[in-house]
N, C-alpha and C. Protein backbone atom coordinates (compact mmCIF):
# COMPACT_ATOMS: atom_id res chain seq x y z
N MET A 1 56.64 -106.95 45.43
CA MET A 1 55.58 -107.09 46.40
C MET A 1 55.45 -108.59 46.68
N THR A 2 55.62 -108.94 47.94
CA THR A 2 55.57 -110.38 48.28
C THR A 2 54.64 -110.56 49.48
N ASP A 3 54.15 -111.76 49.59
CA ASP A 3 53.37 -112.21 50.77
C ASP A 3 54.23 -113.13 51.57
N ARG A 4 54.15 -113.02 52.87
CA ARG A 4 54.86 -113.99 53.74
C ARG A 4 53.82 -114.47 54.79
N PRO A 5 54.06 -115.66 55.33
CA PRO A 5 53.16 -116.14 56.37
C PRO A 5 53.21 -115.21 57.56
N ALA A 6 52.07 -114.99 58.16
CA ALA A 6 51.99 -114.14 59.42
C ALA A 6 51.84 -115.09 60.61
N PRO A 7 51.93 -114.52 61.78
CA PRO A 7 51.73 -115.36 62.98
C PRO A 7 50.40 -116.08 62.93
N ALA A 8 50.32 -117.20 63.62
CA ALA A 8 49.10 -118.06 63.60
C ALA A 8 47.85 -117.21 63.87
N SER A 9 46.80 -117.42 63.10
CA SER A 9 45.60 -116.66 63.18
C SER A 9 44.86 -116.88 64.53
N ASP A 10 45.09 -117.99 65.14
CA ASP A 10 44.42 -118.25 66.45
C ASP A 10 45.08 -117.46 67.59
N ALA A 11 46.15 -116.78 67.30
CA ALA A 11 46.85 -115.97 68.27
C ALA A 11 46.72 -114.48 67.97
N LEU A 12 45.55 -114.08 67.48
CA LEU A 12 45.39 -112.65 67.17
C LEU A 12 45.43 -111.88 68.44
N GLY A 13 46.17 -110.75 68.37
CA GLY A 13 46.17 -109.82 69.50
C GLY A 13 44.86 -109.06 69.60
N PRO A 14 44.68 -108.31 70.64
CA PRO A 14 43.40 -107.56 70.80
C PRO A 14 43.12 -106.59 69.71
N GLU A 15 44.14 -105.94 69.16
CA GLU A 15 43.93 -104.93 68.12
C GLU A 15 43.53 -105.62 66.80
N ASP A 16 44.12 -106.75 66.47
CA ASP A 16 43.71 -107.44 65.29
C ASP A 16 42.36 -108.12 65.44
N ALA A 17 42.03 -108.59 66.62
CA ALA A 17 40.71 -109.16 66.92
C ALA A 17 39.65 -108.08 66.78
N LYS A 18 39.99 -106.85 67.12
CA LYS A 18 39.04 -105.72 66.93
C LYS A 18 38.74 -105.53 65.47
N LEU A 19 39.77 -105.66 64.62
CA LEU A 19 39.53 -105.52 63.18
C LEU A 19 38.58 -106.59 62.62
N VAL A 20 38.74 -107.80 63.13
CA VAL A 20 37.84 -108.90 62.75
C VAL A 20 36.41 -108.58 63.15
N THR A 21 36.24 -108.08 64.37
CA THR A 21 34.90 -107.73 64.84
C THR A 21 34.28 -106.59 64.00
N LEU A 22 35.07 -105.60 63.67
CA LEU A 22 34.58 -104.48 62.86
C LEU A 22 34.21 -104.96 61.44
N ALA A 23 35.03 -105.80 60.82
CA ALA A 23 34.75 -106.27 59.52
C ALA A 23 33.52 -107.15 59.47
N ARG A 24 33.36 -108.01 60.51
CA ARG A 24 32.19 -108.90 60.59
C ARG A 24 30.91 -108.03 60.74
N ALA A 25 30.89 -107.09 61.61
CA ALA A 25 29.75 -106.23 61.88
C ALA A 25 29.38 -105.43 60.65
N THR A 26 30.37 -104.91 59.95
CA THR A 26 30.11 -104.06 58.77
C THR A 26 29.53 -104.89 57.66
N ARG A 27 30.09 -106.06 57.38
CA ARG A 27 29.58 -106.91 56.35
C ARG A 27 28.13 -107.35 56.62
N ALA A 28 27.87 -107.71 57.91
CA ALA A 28 26.51 -108.17 58.27
C ALA A 28 25.49 -107.06 58.19
N ARG A 29 25.86 -105.87 58.63
CA ARG A 29 24.92 -104.74 58.64
C ARG A 29 24.51 -104.37 57.22
N VAL A 30 25.46 -104.42 56.26
CA VAL A 30 25.14 -104.03 54.92
C VAL A 30 24.63 -105.20 54.08
N GLY A 31 24.94 -106.41 54.52
CA GLY A 31 24.61 -107.60 53.76
C GLY A 31 25.45 -107.80 52.54
N ALA A 32 26.67 -107.35 52.63
CA ALA A 32 27.61 -107.39 51.47
C ALA A 32 28.33 -108.75 51.42
N ALA A 33 28.98 -109.00 50.29
CA ALA A 33 29.73 -110.21 50.13
C ALA A 33 30.98 -110.22 51.02
N GLN A 34 31.56 -109.05 51.23
CA GLN A 34 32.77 -108.97 52.08
C GLN A 34 32.69 -107.75 52.98
N GLY A 35 33.35 -107.91 54.13
CA GLY A 35 33.58 -106.82 55.05
C GLY A 35 35.08 -106.75 55.33
N ALA A 36 35.59 -105.54 55.50
CA ALA A 36 37.01 -105.39 55.78
C ALA A 36 37.21 -104.30 56.83
N ALA A 37 38.31 -104.34 57.50
CA ALA A 37 38.74 -103.29 58.42
C ALA A 37 40.26 -103.23 58.33
N VAL A 38 40.75 -101.98 58.44
CA VAL A 38 42.17 -101.77 58.46
C VAL A 38 42.53 -100.88 59.63
N ARG A 39 43.79 -101.03 60.09
CA ARG A 39 44.37 -100.14 61.12
C ARG A 39 45.54 -99.39 60.51
N ASP A 40 45.53 -98.09 60.66
CA ASP A 40 46.59 -97.32 60.04
C ASP A 40 47.80 -97.20 61.01
N GLU A 41 48.80 -96.48 60.58
CA GLU A 41 50.06 -96.34 61.35
C GLU A 41 49.84 -95.61 62.69
N MET A 42 48.75 -94.91 62.84
CA MET A 42 48.48 -94.16 64.04
C MET A 42 47.50 -94.88 64.96
N GLY A 43 47.03 -96.05 64.57
CA GLY A 43 46.12 -96.88 65.33
C GLY A 43 44.67 -96.60 65.05
N ARG A 44 44.35 -95.71 64.10
CA ARG A 44 42.97 -95.45 63.68
C ARG A 44 42.43 -96.65 62.86
N THR A 45 41.17 -96.93 62.98
CA THR A 45 40.58 -98.05 62.27
C THR A 45 39.51 -97.54 61.25
N TYR A 46 39.38 -98.26 60.19
CA TYR A 46 38.41 -97.96 59.15
C TYR A 46 37.77 -99.25 58.75
N ALA A 47 36.46 -99.30 58.67
CA ALA A 47 35.74 -100.51 58.25
C ALA A 47 34.85 -100.20 57.10
N ALA A 48 34.67 -101.15 56.23
CA ALA A 48 33.81 -100.93 55.02
C ALA A 48 33.36 -102.29 54.48
N ALA A 49 32.37 -102.22 53.62
CA ALA A 49 31.83 -103.40 52.93
C ALA A 49 32.04 -103.21 51.44
N THR A 50 31.85 -104.32 50.70
CA THR A 50 31.96 -104.28 49.22
C THR A 50 30.96 -103.28 48.67
N VAL A 51 31.38 -102.53 47.67
CA VAL A 51 30.49 -101.65 46.92
C VAL A 51 30.26 -102.29 45.53
N ASP A 52 28.99 -102.60 45.28
CA ASP A 52 28.66 -103.23 44.00
C ASP A 52 27.49 -102.53 43.38
N LEU A 53 27.77 -101.41 42.69
CA LEU A 53 26.78 -100.62 41.99
C LEU A 53 26.99 -100.80 40.51
N PRO A 54 25.96 -100.49 39.70
CA PRO A 54 26.17 -100.61 38.24
C PRO A 54 27.37 -99.79 37.73
N SER A 55 27.61 -98.66 38.32
CA SER A 55 28.68 -97.79 37.85
C SER A 55 29.93 -97.75 38.70
N LEU A 56 29.95 -98.53 39.84
CA LEU A 56 31.10 -98.51 40.71
C LEU A 56 31.21 -99.83 41.42
N GLN A 57 32.34 -100.52 41.27
CA GLN A 57 32.60 -101.75 41.99
C GLN A 57 33.94 -101.62 42.73
N LEU A 58 33.88 -101.76 44.05
CA LEU A 58 35.08 -101.71 44.86
C LEU A 58 35.03 -102.81 45.89
N SER A 59 36.18 -103.43 46.16
CA SER A 59 36.23 -104.44 47.20
C SER A 59 36.20 -103.71 48.60
N ALA A 60 35.88 -104.44 49.61
CA ALA A 60 35.81 -103.87 50.93
C ALA A 60 37.22 -103.34 51.33
N VAL A 61 38.27 -104.02 50.94
CA VAL A 61 39.63 -103.59 51.28
C VAL A 61 39.94 -102.25 50.54
N GLN A 62 39.53 -102.14 49.25
CA GLN A 62 39.79 -100.94 48.52
C GLN A 62 39.05 -99.76 49.16
N VAL A 63 37.84 -99.94 49.65
CA VAL A 63 37.12 -98.87 50.29
C VAL A 63 37.79 -98.46 51.57
N CYS A 64 38.24 -99.43 52.32
CA CYS A 64 38.98 -99.11 53.63
C CYS A 64 40.24 -98.32 53.37
N VAL A 65 41.03 -98.73 52.35
CA VAL A 65 42.23 -98.04 52.03
C VAL A 65 41.90 -96.61 51.56
N ALA A 66 40.89 -96.45 50.72
CA ALA A 66 40.49 -95.13 50.24
C ALA A 66 40.07 -94.25 51.45
N MET A 67 39.31 -94.82 52.40
CA MET A 67 38.90 -94.03 53.54
C MET A 67 40.11 -93.59 54.37
N ALA A 68 41.07 -94.49 54.56
CA ALA A 68 42.27 -94.17 55.29
C ALA A 68 43.05 -93.03 54.61
N VAL A 69 43.27 -93.17 53.36
CA VAL A 69 44.00 -92.16 52.57
C VAL A 69 43.28 -90.84 52.66
N ALA A 70 41.99 -90.84 52.48
CA ALA A 70 41.20 -89.60 52.50
C ALA A 70 41.22 -88.94 53.89
N SER A 71 41.51 -89.71 54.92
CA SER A 71 41.62 -89.17 56.27
C SER A 71 43.04 -88.80 56.61
N GLY A 72 43.97 -88.96 55.69
CA GLY A 72 45.36 -88.52 55.98
C GLY A 72 46.33 -89.62 56.38
N SER A 73 45.89 -90.85 56.37
CA SER A 73 46.79 -91.93 56.70
C SER A 73 47.92 -92.08 55.72
N ARG A 74 49.07 -92.45 56.23
CA ARG A 74 50.24 -92.61 55.39
C ARG A 74 50.73 -94.04 55.43
N GLY A 75 50.08 -94.90 56.24
CA GLY A 75 50.49 -96.31 56.28
C GLY A 75 49.42 -97.17 56.83
N ILE A 76 49.40 -98.42 56.42
CA ILE A 76 48.44 -99.41 56.93
C ILE A 76 49.27 -100.51 57.61
N ALA A 77 48.90 -100.87 58.86
CA ALA A 77 49.62 -101.86 59.64
C ALA A 77 48.91 -103.23 59.63
N ALA A 78 47.58 -103.23 59.55
CA ALA A 78 46.89 -104.53 59.59
C ALA A 78 45.53 -104.43 58.89
N CYS A 79 45.04 -105.59 58.48
CA CYS A 79 43.80 -105.67 57.77
C CYS A 79 43.10 -106.98 58.10
N ALA A 80 41.78 -106.93 58.20
CA ALA A 80 40.96 -108.18 58.26
C ALA A 80 40.00 -108.12 57.10
N LEU A 81 39.85 -109.22 56.44
CA LEU A 81 38.92 -109.36 55.32
C LEU A 81 38.09 -110.62 55.53
N LEU A 82 36.77 -110.44 55.59
CA LEU A 82 35.88 -111.51 55.93
C LEU A 82 34.78 -111.63 54.89
N GLY A 83 34.26 -112.84 54.74
CA GLY A 83 33.13 -113.09 53.86
C GLY A 83 33.48 -114.10 52.78
N GLU A 84 33.00 -113.83 51.61
CA GLU A 84 33.21 -114.76 50.44
C GLU A 84 34.66 -114.51 49.97
N VAL A 85 35.60 -115.06 50.65
CA VAL A 85 37.01 -114.88 50.32
C VAL A 85 37.80 -116.12 50.61
N ASP A 86 38.66 -116.51 49.72
CA ASP A 86 39.61 -117.62 49.98
C ASP A 86 41.02 -117.19 49.78
N ALA A 87 41.24 -116.01 49.24
CA ALA A 87 42.57 -115.48 48.98
C ALA A 87 42.45 -113.97 48.86
N LEU A 88 43.57 -113.29 49.05
CA LEU A 88 43.64 -111.89 48.82
C LEU A 88 43.83 -111.57 47.37
N GLY A 89 42.93 -110.83 46.77
CA GLY A 89 42.99 -110.54 45.32
C GLY A 89 44.17 -109.58 45.04
N ASP A 90 44.58 -109.60 43.75
CA ASP A 90 45.72 -108.77 43.34
C ASP A 90 45.46 -107.28 43.60
N ASP A 91 44.26 -106.80 43.32
CA ASP A 91 43.92 -105.37 43.53
C ASP A 91 44.02 -105.02 45.01
N ASP A 92 43.46 -105.90 45.86
CA ASP A 92 43.58 -105.61 47.35
C ASP A 92 45.00 -105.66 47.79
N ARG A 93 45.75 -106.68 47.33
CA ARG A 93 47.16 -106.83 47.73
C ARG A 93 47.94 -105.53 47.30
N GLY A 94 47.66 -105.03 46.06
CA GLY A 94 48.30 -103.84 45.58
C GLY A 94 48.02 -102.61 46.41
N ALA A 95 46.74 -102.43 46.73
CA ALA A 95 46.32 -101.32 47.59
C ALA A 95 47.02 -101.32 48.95
N LEU A 96 47.08 -102.50 49.57
CA LEU A 96 47.73 -102.62 50.86
C LEU A 96 49.21 -102.40 50.71
N ALA A 97 49.82 -102.97 49.67
CA ALA A 97 51.29 -102.76 49.46
C ALA A 97 51.66 -101.33 49.27
N ASP A 98 50.77 -100.53 48.65
CA ASP A 98 51.06 -99.12 48.42
C ASP A 98 51.22 -98.39 49.77
N LEU A 99 50.52 -98.84 50.77
CA LEU A 99 50.58 -98.13 52.06
C LEU A 99 51.19 -98.99 53.23
N ALA A 100 51.87 -100.09 52.87
CA ALA A 100 52.42 -100.94 53.91
C ALA A 100 53.42 -100.22 54.80
N VAL A 101 53.29 -100.39 56.09
CA VAL A 101 54.26 -99.83 57.02
C VAL A 101 55.49 -100.70 57.01
N ALA A 102 56.57 -100.25 57.62
CA ALA A 102 57.77 -101.06 57.71
C ALA A 102 57.37 -102.37 58.40
N GLY A 103 57.80 -103.47 57.88
CA GLY A 103 57.45 -104.77 58.37
C GLY A 103 56.19 -105.36 57.69
N GLY A 104 55.51 -104.57 56.89
CA GLY A 104 54.43 -105.05 56.10
C GLY A 104 53.06 -104.92 56.80
N VAL A 105 52.03 -105.33 56.07
CA VAL A 105 50.65 -105.32 56.56
C VAL A 105 50.23 -106.74 56.96
N ALA A 106 49.86 -106.92 58.19
CA ALA A 106 49.33 -108.21 58.64
C ALA A 106 47.93 -108.32 58.13
N VAL A 107 47.65 -109.35 57.38
CA VAL A 107 46.30 -109.52 56.77
C VAL A 107 45.70 -110.83 57.29
N HIS A 108 44.48 -110.76 57.79
CA HIS A 108 43.75 -111.95 58.32
C HIS A 108 42.54 -112.16 57.45
N LEU A 109 42.41 -113.33 56.88
CA LEU A 109 41.32 -113.71 56.02
C LEU A 109 40.39 -114.67 56.74
N GLY A 110 39.07 -114.44 56.63
CA GLY A 110 38.19 -115.31 57.35
C GLY A 110 36.80 -115.38 56.69
N ASP A 111 35.99 -116.20 57.28
CA ASP A 111 34.61 -116.37 56.78
C ASP A 111 33.69 -115.31 57.36
N ALA A 112 32.45 -115.35 56.97
CA ALA A 112 31.48 -114.31 57.34
C ALA A 112 31.17 -114.29 58.82
N ARG A 113 31.45 -115.39 59.53
CA ARG A 113 31.27 -115.47 60.99
C ARG A 113 32.40 -114.88 61.75
N GLY A 114 33.51 -114.59 61.07
CA GLY A 114 34.69 -114.01 61.72
C GLY A 114 35.73 -115.07 62.12
N THR A 115 35.57 -116.26 61.61
CA THR A 115 36.61 -117.27 61.88
C THR A 115 37.75 -117.08 60.88
N VAL A 116 38.92 -116.72 61.46
CA VAL A 116 40.06 -116.46 60.60
C VAL A 116 40.67 -117.81 60.20
N GLY A 117 40.86 -118.00 58.91
CA GLY A 117 41.38 -119.21 58.42
C GLY A 117 42.80 -119.12 57.88
N ALA A 118 43.22 -117.90 57.61
CA ALA A 118 44.60 -117.68 57.09
C ALA A 118 45.08 -116.31 57.42
N SER A 119 46.34 -116.19 57.65
CA SER A 119 46.97 -114.88 57.88
C SER A 119 48.28 -114.82 57.02
N LEU A 120 48.53 -113.61 56.55
CA LEU A 120 49.75 -113.42 55.75
C LEU A 120 50.19 -112.02 55.97
N THR A 121 51.37 -111.67 55.47
CA THR A 121 51.92 -110.33 55.55
C THR A 121 52.17 -109.87 54.12
N VAL A 122 51.63 -108.65 53.81
CA VAL A 122 51.87 -108.04 52.52
C VAL A 122 52.95 -106.95 52.72
N ASP A 123 54.02 -107.12 51.99
CA ASP A 123 55.14 -106.17 52.08
C ASP A 123 54.91 -104.96 51.15
N ALA A 124 55.62 -103.90 51.40
CA ALA A 124 55.54 -102.69 50.57
C ALA A 124 56.09 -103.03 49.17
N ARG A 125 55.63 -102.31 48.21
CA ARG A 125 56.14 -102.41 46.81
C ARG A 125 57.55 -102.08 46.75
């Protein structure tokens, strides 16, 4: 499993910009530390926030991947992760790598306002 630089984050296409908007809105609505959104191989999108309960802790990316899998997705093409984040965690990287489409998952990391500061590609395991 490797990460590679992705295209410049200031050149997000409309579909990736949509993921940023969904992640930002979800994080803000819930007041969570992080918001994420993913796009699957069929173009369907899933957005979620961090789950932080006494008995269950999941990152926003993990929730998005679980939602996609539970809906029948077989691959993830792109992801936006916003909020209190400066890097993609190992668990998030692993979840995305498990479902990476050919060519990998384009991942955009940004702040709570939706300003993307870094982009990378997570390849399949």
